[in-house]
Amino acid sequence: TDGRVEVRGSRTRRRKSKRADYVLEFRPNIAVAVVEAKRYKYSVGH
């Protein structure tokens, strides 16, 4: 996603976009898995 647009009065801001670290596709555009990565200081399941 590009990030949700929030409107407060006359001001707008876009929240942080969503981006998967890895999407694994058996064939192009046929996704089967997602992999999320974190730094080593975090647990493997963080």
ModelCIF file with pLDDT and N, C-alpha, C, O atoms, coordinates in Angstrom:
data_MODEL
#
_entry.id   MODEL 
#
_entity.id                         1 
_entity.type                       polymer 
_entity.pdbx_number_of_molecules   1 
#
_entity_poly.entity_id                      1 
_entity_poly.type                           'polypeptide(L)' 
_entity_poly.nstd_linkage                   no 
_entity_poly.nstd_monomer                   no 
_entity_poly.pdbx_seq_one_letter_code       TDGRVEVRGSRTRRRKSKRADYVLEFRPNIAVAVVEAKRYKYSVGH 
_entity_poly.pdbx_seq_one_letter_code_can   TDGRVEVRGSRTRRRKSKRADYVLEFRPNIAVAVVEAKRYKYSVGH 
_entity_poly.pdbx_strand_id                 A 
#
loop_
_entity_poly_seq.entity_id 
_entity_poly_seq.num 
_entity_poly_seq.mon_id 
_entity_poly_seq.hetero 
1 1  THR n 
1 2  ASP n 
1 3  GLY n 
1 4  ARG n 
1 5  VAL n 
1 6  GLU n 
1 7  VAL n 
1 8  ARG n 
1 9  GLY n 
1 10 SER n 
1 11 ARG n 
1 12 THR n 
1 13 ARG n 
1 14 ARG n 
1 15 ARG n 
1 16 LYS n 
1 17 SER n 
1 18 LYS n 
1 19 ARG n 
1 20 ALA n 
1 21 ASP n 
1 22 TYR n 
1 23 VAL n 
1 24 LEU n 
1 25 GLU n 
1 26 PHE n 
1 27 ARG n 
1 28 PRO n 
1 29 ASN n 
1 30 ILE n 
1 31 ALA n 
1 32 VAL n 
1 33 ALA n 
1 34 VAL n 
1 35 VAL n 
1 36 GLU n 
1 37 ALA n 
1 38 LYS n 
1 39 ARG n 
1 40 TYR n 
1 41 LYS n 
1 42 TYR n 
1 43 SER n 
1 44 VAL n 
1 45 GLY n 
1 46 HIS n 
#
_struct_asym.id          A 
_struct_asym.entity_id   1 
#
loop_
_ma_qa_metric.id 
_ma_qa_metric.mode 
_ma_qa_metric.name 
_ma_qa_metric.software_group_id 
_ma_qa_metric.type 
1 global pLDDT . pLDDT 
2 local  pLDDT . pLDDT 
#
_ma_qa_metric_global.metric_id      1 
_ma_qa_metric_global.metric_value   86.28 
_ma_qa_metric_global.model_id       1 
_ma_qa_metric_global.ordinal_id     1 
#
loop_
_ma_qa_metric_local.label_asym_id 
_ma_qa_metric_local.label_comp_id 
_ma_qa_metric_local.label_seq_id 
_ma_qa_metric_local.metric_id 
_ma_qa_metric_local.metric_value 
_ma_qa_metric_local.model_id 
_ma_qa_metric_local.ordinal_id 
A THR 1  2 81.00 1 1  
A ASP 2  2 72.00 1 2  
A GLY 3  2 66.00 1 3  
A ARG 4  2 72.00 1 4  
A VAL 5  2 70.00 1 5  
A GLU 6  2 71.00 1 6  
A VAL 7  2 78.00 1 7  
A ARG 8  2 77.00 1 8  
A GLY 9  2 73.00 1 9  
A SER 10 2 73.00 1 10 
A ARG 11 2 76.00 1 11 
A THR 12 2 74.00 1 12 
A ARG 13 2 73.00 1 13 
A ARG 14 2 70.00 1 14 
A ARG 15 2 72.00 1 15 
A LYS 16 2 73.00 1 16 
A SER 17 2 76.00 1 17 
A LYS 18 2 84.00 1 18 
A ARG 19 2 88.00 1 19 
A ALA 20 2 90.00 1 20 
A ASP 21 2 92.00 1 21 
A TYR 22 2 96.00 1 22 
A VAL 23 2 96.00 1 23 
A LEU 24 2 97.00 1 24 
A GLU 25 2 96.00 1 25 
A PHE 26 2 96.00 1 26 
A ARG 27 2 95.00 1 27 
A PRO 28 2 94.00 1 28 
A ASN 29 2 95.00 1 29 
A ILE 30 2 96.00 1 30 
A ALA 31 2 96.00 1 31 
A VAL 32 2 97.00 1 32 
A ALA 33 2 97.00 1 33 
A VAL 34 2 97.00 1 34 
A VAL 35 2 97.00 1 35 
A GLU 36 2 96.00 1 36 
A ALA 37 2 94.00 1 37 
A LYS 38 2 94.00 1 38 
A ARG 39 2 93.00 1 39 
A TYR 40 2 91.00 1 40 
A LYS 41 2 92.00 1 41 
A TYR 42 2 90.00 1 42 
A SER 43 2 93.00 1 43 
A VAL 44 2 93.00 1 44 
A GLY 45 2 93.00 1 45 
A HIS 46 2 94.00 1 46 
#
loop_
_atom_site.group_PDB 
_atom_site.id 
_atom_site.type_symbol 
_atom_site.label_atom_id 
_atom_site.label_alt_id 
_atom_site.label_comp_id 
_atom_site.label_asym_id 
_atom_site.label_entity_id 
_atom_site.label_seq_id 
_atom_site.pdbx_PDB_ins_code 
_atom_site.Cartn_x 
_atom_site.Cartn_y 
_atom_site.Cartn_z 
_atom_site.occupancy 
_atom_site.B_iso_or_equiv 
_atom_site.pdbx_formal_charge 
_atom_site.auth_seq_id 
_atom_site.auth_comp_id 
_atom_site.auth_asym_id 
_atom_site.auth_atom_id 
_atom_site.pdbx_PDB_model_num 
ATOM 1   N N  . THR A 1 1  ? 0.841  -1.197  0.000   1.00 81.00 ? 1  THR A N  1 
ATOM 2   C CA . THR A 1 1  ? 0.000  0.000   0.000   1.00 81.00 ? 1  THR A CA 1 
ATOM 3   C C  . THR A 1 1  ? 0.873  1.243   0.000   1.00 81.00 ? 1  THR A C  1 
ATOM 4   O O  . THR A 1 1  ? 2.041  1.199   0.388   1.00 81.00 ? 1  THR A O  1 
ATOM 5   N N  . ASP A 1 2  ? 0.292  2.353   -0.440  1.00 72.00 ? 2  ASP A N  1 
ATOM 6   C CA . ASP A 1 2  ? 1.007  3.628   -0.442  1.00 72.00 ? 2  ASP A CA 1 
ATOM 7   C C  . ASP A 1 2  ? 0.940  4.325   0.910   1.00 72.00 ? 2  ASP A C  1 
ATOM 8   O O  . ASP A 1 2  ? 1.612  5.333   1.131   1.00 72.00 ? 2  ASP A O  1 
ATOM 9   N N  . GLY A 1 3  ? 0.133  3.790   1.803   1.00 66.00 ? 3  GLY A N  1 
ATOM 10  C CA . GLY A 1 3  ? -0.040 4.426   3.106   1.00 66.00 ? 3  GLY A CA 1 
ATOM 11  C C  . GLY A 1 3  ? -1.349 5.187   3.172   1.00 66.00 ? 3  GLY A C  1 
ATOM 12  O O  . GLY A 1 3  ? -1.715 5.899   2.237   1.00 66.00 ? 3  GLY A O  1 
ATOM 13  N N  . ARG A 1 4  ? -2.050 5.031   4.284   1.00 72.00 ? 4  ARG A N  1 
ATOM 14  C CA . ARG A 1 4  ? -3.348 5.686   4.452   1.00 72.00 ? 4  ARG A CA 1 
ATOM 15  C C  . ARG A 1 4  ? -3.181 7.207   4.537   1.00 72.00 ? 4  ARG A C  1 
ATOM 16  O O  . ARG A 1 4  ? -2.265 7.699   5.196   1.00 72.00 ? 4  ARG A O  1 
ATOM 17  N N  . VAL A 1 5  ? -4.072 7.949   3.865   1.00 70.00 ? 5  VAL A N  1 
ATOM 18  C CA . VAL A 1 5  ? -4.068 9.409   3.919   1.00 70.00 ? 5  VAL A CA 1 
ATOM 19  C C  . VAL A 1 5  ? -4.966 9.859   5.067   1.00 70.00 ? 5  VAL A C  1 
ATOM 20  O O  . VAL A 1 5  ? -6.147 9.515   5.106   1.00 70.00 ? 5  VAL A O  1 
ATOM 21  N N  . GLU A 1 6  ? -4.414 10.621  5.991   1.00 71.00 ? 6  GLU A N  1 
ATOM 22  C CA . GLU A 1 6  ? -5.174 11.130  7.125   1.00 71.00 ? 6  GLU A CA 1 
ATOM 23  C C  . GLU A 1 6  ? -5.451 12.609  6.928   1.00 71.00 ? 6  GLU A C  1 
ATOM 24  O O  . GLU A 1 6  ? -4.565 13.368  6.536   1.00 71.00 ? 6  GLU A O  1 
ATOM 25  N N  . VAL A 1 7  ? -6.693 13.020  7.204   1.00 78.00 ? 7  VAL A N  1 
ATOM 26  C CA . VAL A 1 7  ? -7.104 14.414  7.050   1.00 78.00 ? 7  VAL A CA 1 
ATOM 27  C C  . VAL A 1 7  ? -7.489 14.965  8.418   1.00 78.00 ? 7  VAL A C  1 
ATOM 28  O O  . VAL A 1 7  ? -8.354 14.418  9.102   1.00 78.00 ? 7  VAL A O  1 
ATOM 29  N N  . ARG A 1 8  ? -6.830 16.062  8.805   1.00 77.00 ? 8  ARG A N  1 
ATOM 30  C CA . ARG A 1 8  ? -7.143 16.744  10.052  1.00 77.00 ? 8  ARG A CA 1 
ATOM 31  C C  . ARG A 1 8  ? -7.332 18.218  9.757   1.00 77.00 ? 8  ARG A C  1 
ATOM 32  O O  . ARG A 1 8  ? -6.372 18.973  9.604   1.00 77.00 ? 8  ARG A O  1 
ATOM 33  N N  . GLY A 1 9  ? -8.601 18.609  9.682   1.00 73.00 ? 9  GLY A N  1 
ATOM 34  C CA . GLY A 1 9  ? -8.889 19.991  9.315   1.00 73.00 ? 9  GLY A CA 1 
ATOM 35  C C  . GLY A 1 9  ? -8.444 20.250  7.883   1.00 73.00 ? 9  GLY A C  1 
ATOM 36  O O  . GLY A 1 9  ? -8.875 19.565  6.956   1.00 73.00 ? 9  GLY A O  1 
ATOM 37  N N  . SER A 1 10 ? -7.581 21.241  7.712   1.00 73.00 ? 10 SER A N  1 
ATOM 38  C CA . SER A 1 10 ? -7.073 21.567  6.369   1.00 73.00 ? 10 SER A CA 1 
ATOM 39  C C  . SER A 1 10 ? -5.759 20.864  6.079   1.00 73.00 ? 10 SER A C  1 
ATOM 40  O O  . SER A 1 10 ? -5.168 21.076  5.021   1.00 73.00 ? 10 SER A O  1 
ATOM 41  N N  . ARG A 1 11 ? -5.290 20.028  7.003   1.00 76.00 ? 11 ARG A N  1 
ATOM 42  C CA . ARG A 1 11 ? -4.004 19.360  6.832   1.00 76.00 ? 11 ARG A CA 1 
ATOM 43  C C  . ARG A 1 11 ? -4.196 17.887  6.474   1.00 76.00 ? 11 ARG A C  1 
ATOM 44  O O  . ARG A 1 11 ? -5.121 17.226  6.946   1.00 76.00 ? 11 ARG A O  1 
ATOM 45  N N  . THR A 1 12 ? -3.308 17.404  5.642   1.00 74.00 ? 12 THR A N  1 
ATOM 46  C CA . THR A 1 12 ? -3.318 15.983  5.282   1.00 74.00 ? 12 THR A CA 1 
ATOM 47  C C  . THR A 1 12 ? -1.914 15.427  5.433   1.00 74.00 ? 12 THR A C  1 
ATOM 48  O O  . THR A 1 12 ? -0.922 16.140  5.280   1.00 74.00 ? 12 THR A O  1 
ATOM 49  N N  . ARG A 1 13 ? -1.852 14.160  5.732   1.00 73.00 ? 13 ARG A N  1 
ATOM 50  C CA . ARG A 1 13 ? -0.561 13.491  5.758   1.00 73.00 ? 13 ARG A CA 1 
ATOM 51  C C  . ARG A 1 13 ? -0.767 12.017  5.395   1.00 73.00 ? 13 ARG A C  1 
ATOM 52  O O  . ARG A 1 13 ? -1.814 11.430  5.668   1.00 73.00 ? 13 ARG A O  1 
ATOM 53  N N  . ARG A 1 14 ? 0.243  11.452  4.783   1.00 70.00 ? 14 ARG A N  1 
ATOM 54  C CA . ARG A 1 14 ? 0.176  10.045  4.407   1.00 70.00 ? 14 ARG A CA 1 
ATOM 55  C C  . ARG A 1 14 ? 0.989  9.222   5.393   1.00 70.00 ? 14 ARG A C  1 
ATOM 56  O O  . ARG A 1 14 ? 2.162  9.502   5.638   1.00 70.00 ? 14 ARG A O  1 
ATOM 57  N N  . ARG A 1 15 ? 0.355  8.209   5.950   1.00 72.00 ? 15 ARG A N  1 
ATOM 58  C CA . ARG A 1 15 ? 1.044  7.338   6.886   1.00 72.00 ? 15 ARG A CA 1 
ATOM 59  C C  . ARG A 1 15 ? 2.030  6.434   6.147   1.00 72.00 ? 15 ARG A C  1 
ATOM 60  O O  . ARG A 1 15 ? 2.018  6.366   4.918   1.00 72.00 ? 15 ARG A O  1 
ATOM 61  N N  . LYS A 1 16 ? 2.862  5.758   6.886   1.00 73.00 ? 16 LYS A N  1 
ATOM 62  C CA . LYS A 1 16 ? 3.903  4.923   6.301   1.00 73.00 ? 16 LYS A CA 1 
ATOM 63  C C  . LYS A 1 16 ? 3.304  3.825   5.433   1.00 73.00 ? 16 LYS A C  1 
ATOM 64  O O  . LYS A 1 16 ? 2.311  3.197   5.799   1.00 73.00 ? 16 LYS A O  1 
ATOM 65  N N  . SER A 1 17 ? 3.919  3.607   4.285   1.00 76.00 ? 17 SER A N  1 
ATOM 66  C CA . SER A 1 17 ? 3.438  2.578   3.370   1.00 76.00 ? 17 SER A CA 1 
ATOM 67  C C  . SER A 1 17 ? 3.739  1.191   3.924   1.00 76.00 ? 17 SER A C  1 
ATOM 68  O O  . SER A 1 17 ? 4.615  1.024   4.773   1.00 76.00 ? 17 SER A O  1 
ATOM 69  N N  . LYS A 1 18 ? 3.006  0.205   3.436   1.00 84.00 ? 18 LYS A N  1 
ATOM 70  C CA . LYS A 1 18 ? 3.240  -1.184  3.828   1.00 84.00 ? 18 LYS A CA 1 
ATOM 71  C C  . LYS A 1 18 ? 4.044  -1.869  2.735   1.00 84.00 ? 18 LYS A C  1 
ATOM 72  O O  . LYS A 1 18 ? 3.727  -1.772  1.549   1.00 84.00 ? 18 LYS A O  1 
ATOM 73  N N  . ARG A 1 19 ? 5.092  -2.562  3.161   1.00 88.00 ? 19 ARG A N  1 
ATOM 74  C CA . ARG A 1 19 ? 6.016  -3.171  2.213   1.00 88.00 ? 19 ARG A CA 1 
ATOM 75  C C  . ARG A 1 19 ? 6.552  -4.469  2.810   1.00 88.00 ? 19 ARG A C  1 
ATOM 76  O O  . ARG A 1 19 ? 7.177  -4.456  3.870   1.00 88.00 ? 19 ARG A O  1 
ATOM 77  N N  . ALA A 1 20 ? 6.309  -5.580  2.133   1.00 90.00 ? 20 ALA A N  1 
ATOM 78  C CA . ALA A 1 20 ? 6.794  -6.876  2.617   1.00 90.00 ? 20 ALA A CA 1 
ATOM 79  C C  . ALA A 1 20 ? 8.265  -7.036  2.251   1.00 90.00 ? 20 ALA A C  1 
ATOM 80  O O  . ALA A 1 20 ? 8.666  -6.720  1.131   1.00 90.00 ? 20 ALA A O  1 
ATOM 81  N N  . ASP A 1 21 ? 9.068  -7.526  3.192   1.00 92.00 ? 21 ASP A N  1 
ATOM 82  C CA . ASP A 1 21 ? 10.490 -7.721  2.903   1.00 92.00 ? 21 ASP A CA 1 
ATOM 83  C C  . ASP A 1 21 ? 10.695 -8.696  1.748   1.00 92.00 ? 21 ASP A C  1 
ATOM 84  O O  . ASP A 1 21 ? 11.522 -8.463  0.866   1.00 92.00 ? 21 ASP A O  1 
ATOM 85  N N  . TYR A 1 22 ? 9.938  -9.787  1.760   1.00 96.00 ? 22 TYR A N  1 
ATOM 86  C CA . TYR A 1 22 ? 9.999  -10.759 0.667   1.00 96.00 ? 22 TYR A CA 1 
ATOM 87  C C  . TYR A 1 22 ? 8.596  -11.297 0.386   1.00 96.00 ? 22 TYR A C  1 
ATOM 88  O O  . TYR A 1 22 ? 7.835  -11.604 1.304   1.00 96.00 ? 22 TYR A O  1 
ATOM 89  N N  . VAL A 1 23 ? 8.277  -11.403 -0.887  1.00 96.00 ? 23 VAL A N  1 
ATOM 90  C CA . VAL A 1 23 ? 7.134  -12.203 -1.329  1.00 96.00 ? 23 VAL A CA 1 
ATOM 91  C C  . VAL A 1 23 ? 7.691  -13.246 -2.285  1.00 96.00 ? 23 VAL A C  1 
ATOM 92  O O  . VAL A 1 23 ? 8.364  -12.912 -3.260  1.00 96.00 ? 23 VAL A O  1 
ATOM 93  N N  . LEU A 1 24 ? 7.405  -14.511 -2.000  1.00 97.00 ? 24 LEU A N  1 
ATOM 94  C CA . LEU A 1 24 ? 7.904  -15.603 -2.825  1.00 97.00 ? 24 LEU A CA 1 
ATOM 95  C C  . LEU A 1 24 ? 6.799  -16.066 -3.768  1.00 97.00 ? 24 LEU A C  1 
ATOM 96  O O  . LEU A 1 24 ? 5.682  -16.353 -3.337  1.00 97.00 ? 24 LEU A O  1 
ATOM 97  N N  . GLU A 1 25 ? 7.121  -16.135 -5.057  1.00 96.00 ? 25 GLU A N  1 
ATOM 98  C CA . GLU A 1 25 ? 6.141  -16.482 -6.077  1.00 96.00 ? 25 GLU A CA 1 
ATOM 99  C C  . GLU A 1 25 ? 6.575  -17.754 -6.804  1.00 96.00 ? 25 GLU A C  1 
ATOM 100 O O  . GLU A 1 25 ? 7.708  -17.846 -7.276  1.00 96.00 ? 25 GLU A O  1 
ATOM 101 N N  . PHE A 1 26 ? 5.676  -18.733 -6.894  1.00 96.00 ? 26 PHE A N  1 
ATOM 102 C CA . PHE A 1 26 ? 6.007  -19.946 -7.631  1.00 96.00 ? 26 PHE A CA 1 
ATOM 103 C C  . PHE A 1 26 ? 6.221  -19.626 -9.099  1.00 96.00 ? 26 PHE A C  1 
ATOM 104 O O  . PHE A 1 26 ? 7.167  -20.108 -9.724  1.00 96.00 ? 26 PHE A O  1 
ATOM 105 N N  . ARG A 1 27 ? 5.319  -18.798 -9.646  1.00 95.00 ? 27 ARG A N  1 
ATOM 106 C CA . ARG A 1 27 ? 5.494  -18.202 -10.969 1.00 95.00 ? 27 ARG A CA 1 
ATOM 107 C C  . ARG A 1 27 ? 5.207  -16.712 -10.814 1.00 95.00 ? 27 ARG A C  1 
ATOM 108 O O  . ARG A 1 27 ? 4.554  -16.326 -9.845  1.00 95.00 ? 27 ARG A O  1 
ATOM 109 N N  . PRO A 1 28 ? 5.666  -15.864 -11.724 1.00 94.00 ? 28 PRO A N  1 
ATOM 110 C CA . PRO A 1 28 ? 5.446  -14.430 -11.558 1.00 94.00 ? 28 PRO A CA 1 
ATOM 111 C C  . PRO A 1 28 ? 3.982  -14.088 -11.273 1.00 94.00 ? 28 PRO A C  1 
ATOM 112 O O  . PRO A 1 28 ? 3.088  -14.470 -12.028 1.00 94.00 ? 28 PRO A O  1 
ATOM 113 N N  . ASN A 1 29 ? 3.753  -13.369 -10.183 1.00 95.00 ? 29 ASN A N  1 
ATOM 114 C CA . ASN A 1 29 ? 2.435  -12.909 -9.724  1.00 95.00 ? 29 ASN A CA 1 
ATOM 115 C C  . ASN A 1 29 ? 1.581  -14.006 -9.094  1.00 95.00 ? 29 ASN A C  1 
ATOM 116 O O  . ASN A 1 29 ? 0.412  -13.773 -8.788  1.00 95.00 ? 29 ASN A O  1 
ATOM 117 N N  . ILE A 1 30 ? 2.146  -15.196 -8.896  1.00 96.00 ? 30 ILE A N  1 
ATOM 118 C CA . ILE A 1 30 ? 1.425  -16.265 -8.197  1.00 96.00 ? 30 ILE A CA 1 
ATOM 119 C C  . ILE A 1 30 ? 2.150  -16.503 -6.878  1.00 96.00 ? 30 ILE A C  1 
ATOM 120 O O  . ILE A 1 30 ? 3.020  -17.367 -6.776  1.00 96.00 ? 30 ILE A O  1 
ATOM 121 N N  . ALA A 1 31 ? 1.773  -15.719 -5.872  1.00 96.00 ? 31 ALA A N  1 
ATOM 122 C CA . ALA A 1 31 ? 2.478  -15.712 -4.587  1.00 96.00 ? 31 ALA A CA 1 
ATOM 123 C C  . ALA A 1 31 ? 2.058  -16.883 -3.710  1.00 96.00 ? 31 ALA A C  1 
ATOM 124 O O  . ALA A 1 31 ? 0.897  -17.292 -3.713  1.00 96.00 ? 31 ALA A O  1 
ATOM 125 N N  . VAL A 1 32 ? 3.023  -17.420 -2.953  1.00 97.00 ? 32 VAL A N  1 
ATOM 126 C CA . VAL A 1 32 ? 2.729  -18.518 -2.023  1.00 97.00 ? 32 VAL A CA 1 
ATOM 127 C C  . VAL A 1 32 ? 3.238  -18.244 -0.617  1.00 97.00 ? 32 VAL A C  1 
ATOM 128 O O  . VAL A 1 32 ? 2.776  -18.879 0.331   1.00 97.00 ? 32 VAL A O  1 
ATOM 129 N N  . ALA A 1 33 ? 4.185  -17.309 -0.451  1.00 97.00 ? 33 ALA A N  1 
ATOM 130 C CA . ALA A 1 33 ? 4.784  -17.121 0.874   1.00 97.00 ? 33 ALA A CA 1 
ATOM 131 C C  . ALA A 1 33 ? 5.231  -15.676 1.089   1.00 97.00 ? 33 ALA A C  1 
ATOM 132 O O  . ALA A 1 33 ? 5.512  -14.940 0.144   1.00 97.00 ? 33 ALA A O  1 
ATOM 133 N N  . VAL A 1 34 ? 5.286  -15.302 2.358   1.00 97.00 ? 34 VAL A N  1 
ATOM 134 C CA . VAL A 1 34 ? 5.794  -13.997 2.793   1.00 97.00 ? 34 VAL A CA 1 
ATOM 135 C C  . VAL A 1 34 ? 6.905  -14.246 3.804   1.00 97.00 ? 34 VAL A C  1 
ATOM 136 O O  . VAL A 1 34 ? 6.782  -15.110 4.672   1.00 97.00 ? 34 VAL A O  1 
ATOM 137 N N  . VAL A 1 35 ? 7.994  -13.480 3.687   1.00 97.00 ? 35 VAL A N  1 
ATOM 138 C CA . VAL A 1 35 ? 9.103  -13.571 4.645   1.00 97.00 ? 35 VAL A CA 1 
ATOM 139 C C  . VAL A 1 35 ? 9.370  -12.174 5.192   1.00 97.00 ? 35 VAL A C  1 
ATOM 140 O O  . VAL A 1 35 ? 9.572  -11.227 4.432   1.00 97.00 ? 35 VAL A O  1 
ATOM 141 N N  . GLU A 1 36 ? 9.368  -12.057 6.519   1.00 96.00 ? 36 GLU A N  1 
ATOM 142 C CA . GLU A 1 36 ? 9.657  -10.771 7.164   1.00 96.00 ? 36 GLU A CA 1 
ATOM 143 C C  . GLU A 1 36 ? 10.994 -10.871 7.889   1.00 96.00 ? 36 GLU A C  1 
ATOM 144 O O  . GLU A 1 36 ? 11.231 -11.818 8.639   1.00 96.00 ? 36 GLU A O  1 
ATOM 145 N N  . ALA A 1 37 ? 11.859 -9.897  7.665   1.00 94.00 ? 37 ALA A N  1 
ATOM 146 C CA . ALA A 1 37 ? 13.201 -9.906  8.254   1.00 94.00 ? 37 ALA A CA 1 
ATOM 147 C C  . ALA A 1 37 ? 13.310 -8.874  9.375   1.00 94.00 ? 37 ALA A C  1 
ATOM 148 O O  . ALA A 1 37 ? 12.695 -7.809  9.324   1.00 94.00 ? 37 ALA A O  1 
ATOM 149 N N  . LYS A 1 38 ? 14.105 -9.214  10.386  1.00 94.00 ? 38 LYS A N  1 
ATOM 150 C CA . LYS A 1 38 ? 14.413 -8.300  11.481  1.00 94.00 ? 38 LYS A CA 1 
ATOM 151 C C  . LYS A 1 38 ? 15.905 -8.396  11.802  1.00 94.00 ? 38 LYS A C  1 
ATOM 152 O O  . LYS A 1 38 ? 16.578 -9.349  11.408  1.00 94.00 ? 38 LYS A O  1 
ATOM 153 N N  . ARG A 1 39 ? 16.403 -7.403  12.516  1.00 93.00 ? 39 ARG A N  1 
ATOM 154 C CA . ARG A 1 39 ? 17.814 -7.425  12.905  1.00 93.00 ? 39 ARG A CA 1 
ATOM 155 C C  . ARG A 1 39 ? 18.080 -8.558  13.897  1.00 93.00 ? 39 ARG A C  1 
ATOM 156 O O  . ARG A 1 39 ? 17.160 -9.067  14.538  1.00 93.00 ? 39 ARG A O  1 
ATOM 157 N N  . TYR A 1 40 ? 19.345 -8.940  14.011  1.00 91.00 ? 40 TYR A N  1 
ATOM 158 C CA . TYR A 1 40 ? 19.747 -10.095 14.812  1.00 91.00 ? 40 TYR A CA 1 
ATOM 159 C C  . TYR A 1 40 ? 19.435 -9.902  16.308  1.00 91.00 ? 40 TYR A C  1 
ATOM 160 O O  . TYR A 1 40 ? 19.257 -10.877 17.038  1.00 91.00 ? 40 TYR A O  1 
ATOM 161 N N  . LYS A 1 41 ? 19.371 -8.655  16.750  1.00 92.00 ? 41 LYS A N  1 
ATOM 162 C CA . LYS A 1 41 ? 19.115 -8.404  18.175  1.00 92.00 ? 41 LYS A CA 1 
ATOM 163 C C  . LYS A 1 41 ? 17.702 -8.821  18.589  1.00 92.00 ? 41 LYS A C  1 
ATOM 164 O O  . LYS A 1 41 ? 17.415 -8.965  19.778  1.00 92.00 ? 41 LYS A O  1 
ATOM 165 N N  . TYR A 1 42 ? 16.817 -9.015  17.594  1.00 90.00 ? 42 TYR A N  1 
ATOM 166 C CA . TYR A 1 42 ? 15.461 -9.462  17.886  1.00 90.00 ? 42 TYR A CA 1 
ATOM 167 C C  . TYR A 1 42 ? 15.384 -10.984 17.784  1.00 90.00 ? 42 TYR A C  1 
ATOM 168 O O  . TYR A 1 42 ? 16.268 -11.612 17.201  1.00 90.00 ? 42 TYR A O  1 
ATOM 169 N N  . SER A 1 43 ? 14.350 -11.570 18.336  1.00 93.00 ? 43 SER A N  1 
ATOM 170 C CA . SER A 1 43 ? 14.157 -13.018 18.256  1.00 93.00 ? 43 SER A CA 1 
ATOM 171 C C  . SER A 1 43 ? 13.799 -13.416 16.828  1.00 93.00 ? 43 SER A C  1 
ATOM 172 O O  . SER A 1 43 ? 13.386 -12.580 16.023  1.00 93.00 ? 43 SER A O  1 
ATOM 173 N N  . VAL A 1 44 ? 13.961 -14.691 16.526  1.00 93.00 ? 44 VAL A N  1 
ATOM 174 C CA . VAL A 1 44 ? 13.694 -15.177 15.173  1.00 93.00 ? 44 VAL A CA 1 
ATOM 175 C C  . VAL A 1 44 ? 12.234 -14.963 14.782  1.00 93.00 ? 44 VAL A C  1 
ATOM 176 O O  . VAL A 1 44 ? 11.932 -14.794 13.600  1.00 93.00 ? 44 VAL A O  1 
ATOM 177 N N  . GLY A 1 45 ? 11.327 -14.967 15.755  1.00 93.00 ? 45 GLY A N  1 
ATOM 178 C CA . GLY A 1 45 ? 9.906  -14.802 15.452  1.00 93.00 ? 45 GLY A CA 1 
ATOM 179 C C  . GLY A 1 45 ? 9.369  -13.404 15.645  1.00 93.00 ? 45 GLY A C  1 
ATOM 180 O O  . GLY A 1 45 ? 8.156  -13.197 15.608  1.00 93.00 ? 45 GLY A O  1 
ATOM 181 N N  . HIS A 1 46 ? 10.257 -12.432 15.852  1.00 94.00 ? 46 HIS A N  1 
ATOM 182 C CA . HIS A 1 46 ? 9.813  -11.068 16.157  1.00 94.00 ? 46 HIS A CA 1 
ATOM 183 C C  . HIS A 1 46 ? 8.966  -10.472 15.028  1.00 94.00 ? 46 HIS A C  1 
ATOM 184 O O  . HIS A 1 46 ? 8.516  -9.330  15.131  1.00 94.00 ? 46 HIS A O  1 
#
